[in-house]
């Protein structure tokens, strides 16, 4: 796990504000898996869905805004949608530092 966002209670369309900073290596496939979980408290939770992609797909998306259907592994039906917005923080010949927020 790289990071975890804040918990948003009782919202069907949460807008997460936490930023996640990761290093971006241009010529490497950097795989990411996003999980959206409904935390019911007391250690009880339900998996809403997951999305797997690469950092290259996120950075290469139009306006660096990637969206995809959330799905659970046992069901191919979409259970919602995740929107991931990325922003490059600094330029470098070898590595770009960026910040990602999930909405």
Protein backbone atom coordinates (compact mmCIF):
# COMPACT_ATOMS: atom_id res chain seq x y z
CA UNK A 1 0.00 0.00 0.00
CA UNK A 2 1.33 3.41 -0.93
CA UNK A 3 -1.29 5.54 0.79
CA UNK A 4 -4.79 5.76 2.19
CA UNK A 5 -7.20 8.66 1.82
CA UNK A 6 -9.33 10.15 4.53
CA UNK A 7 -12.65 8.52 5.47
CA UNK A 8 -15.78 10.24 4.22
CA UNK A 9 -18.95 9.24 6.02
CA UNK A 10 -22.39 8.71 4.49
CA UNK A 11 -21.73 10.06 1.00
CA UNK A 12 -22.63 8.26 -2.23
CA UNK A 13 -20.29 10.51 -4.25
CA UNK A 14 -17.26 11.19 -2.03
CA UNK A 15 -14.70 13.79 -3.12
CA UNK A 16 -11.42 12.82 -1.46
CA UNK A 17 -9.04 15.69 -0.69
CA UNK A 18 -5.95 13.69 0.32
CA UNK A 19 -3.02 14.04 -2.07
CA UNK A 20 -0.68 11.15 -2.78
CA UNK A 21 2.80 11.93 -4.06
CA UNK A 22 4.65 9.27 -6.07
CA UNK A 23 7.72 9.25 -8.26
CA UNK A 24 7.05 8.82 -11.99
CA UNK A 25 9.64 6.90 -14.03
CA UNK A 26 8.82 7.64 -17.67
CA UNK A 27 10.08 4.38 -19.21
CA UNK A 28 8.80 2.00 -16.52
CA UNK A 29 5.36 0.43 -16.19
CA UNK A 30 4.22 1.53 -12.73
CA UNK A 31 1.08 -0.43 -11.87
CA UNK A 32 -1.51 0.89 -9.44
CA UNK A 33 -4.55 -0.71 -7.89
CA UNK A 34 -7.21 1.55 -6.39
CA UNK A 35 -9.69 0.05 -3.92
CA UNK A 36 -12.85 1.80 -2.77
CA UNK A 37 -14.14 0.45 0.53
CA UNK A 38 -17.30 1.16 2.53
CA UNK A 39 -16.09 1.16 6.14
CA UNK A 40 -18.99 0.25 8.40
CA UNK A 41 -16.91 0.69 11.56
CA UNK A 42 -15.88 -1.83 14.21
CA UNK A 43 -13.65 -3.61 11.66
CA UNK A 44 -16.54 -4.29 9.28
CA UNK A 45 -16.27 -3.14 5.66
CA UNK A 46 -17.56 -3.86 2.16
CA UNK A 47 -15.50 -3.69 -1.00
CA UNK A 48 -17.22 -1.32 -3.44
CA UNK A 49 -14.80 -2.06 -6.24
CA UNK A 50 -11.27 -1.89 -7.61
CA UNK A 51 -9.50 -0.47 -10.64
CA UNK A 52 -6.06 -1.43 -11.91
CA UNK A 53 -4.11 0.85 -14.23
CA UNK A 54 -0.66 2.28 -14.78
CA UNK A 55 0.73 5.66 -13.87
CA UNK A 56 1.38 6.18 -17.58
CA UNK A 57 -2.37 5.77 -18.28
CA UNK A 58 -3.19 8.35 -15.63
CA UNK A 59 -0.60 10.88 -16.78
CA UNK A 60 -1.50 10.28 -20.44
CA UNK A 61 -5.24 10.75 -19.92
CA UNK A 62 -6.89 13.87 -21.29
CA UNK A 63 -6.16 16.74 -18.88
CA UNK A 64 -4.47 14.09 -16.70
CA UNK A 65 -7.91 12.98 -15.51
CA UNK A 66 -8.37 9.21 -15.63
CA UNK A 67 -11.76 7.57 -15.02
CA UNK A 68 -12.80 3.93 -14.95
CA UNK A 69 -15.55 1.65 -13.70
CA UNK A 70 -15.15 0.15 -10.23
CA UNK A 71 -15.63 -3.61 -10.28
CA UNK A 72 -15.23 -6.48 -7.87
CA UNK A 73 -13.25 -9.52 -9.02
CA UNK A 74 -16.24 -11.91 -8.88
CA UNK A 75 -18.61 -9.66 -10.85
CA UNK A 76 -18.00 -7.93 -14.18
CA UNK A 77 -20.77 -5.40 -13.58
CA UNK A 78 -19.72 -1.82 -12.80
CA UNK A 79 -20.38 -0.79 -9.19
CA UNK A 80 -19.53 2.87 -9.57
CA UNK A 81 -16.89 5.03 -11.18
CA UNK A 82 -13.57 6.40 -9.97
CA UNK A 83 -12.05 9.64 -11.23
CA UNK A 84 -8.33 10.18 -10.64
CA UNK A 85 -6.76 13.56 -11.28
CA UNK A 86 -2.98 13.90 -11.52
CA UNK A 87 -0.70 16.87 -11.63
CA UNK A 88 3.04 16.99 -12.37
CA UNK A 89 4.94 18.82 -9.65
CA UNK A 90 8.38 19.33 -11.21
CA UNK A 91 10.17 18.47 -14.42
CA UNK A 92 13.30 16.36 -14.59
CA UNK A 93 15.20 14.50 -17.27
CA UNK A 94 14.87 11.23 -15.36
CA UNK A 95 12.03 11.40 -12.83
CA UNK A 96 8.90 13.54 -12.54
CA UNK A 97 7.39 14.01 -9.09
CA UNK A 98 3.61 14.21 -9.16
CA UNK A 99 0.67 14.44 -6.86
CA UNK A 100 -2.52 12.39 -7.29
CA UNK A 101 -5.91 13.09 -5.77
CA UNK A 102 -8.83 10.68 -6.07
CA UNK A 103 -12.40 11.93 -6.36
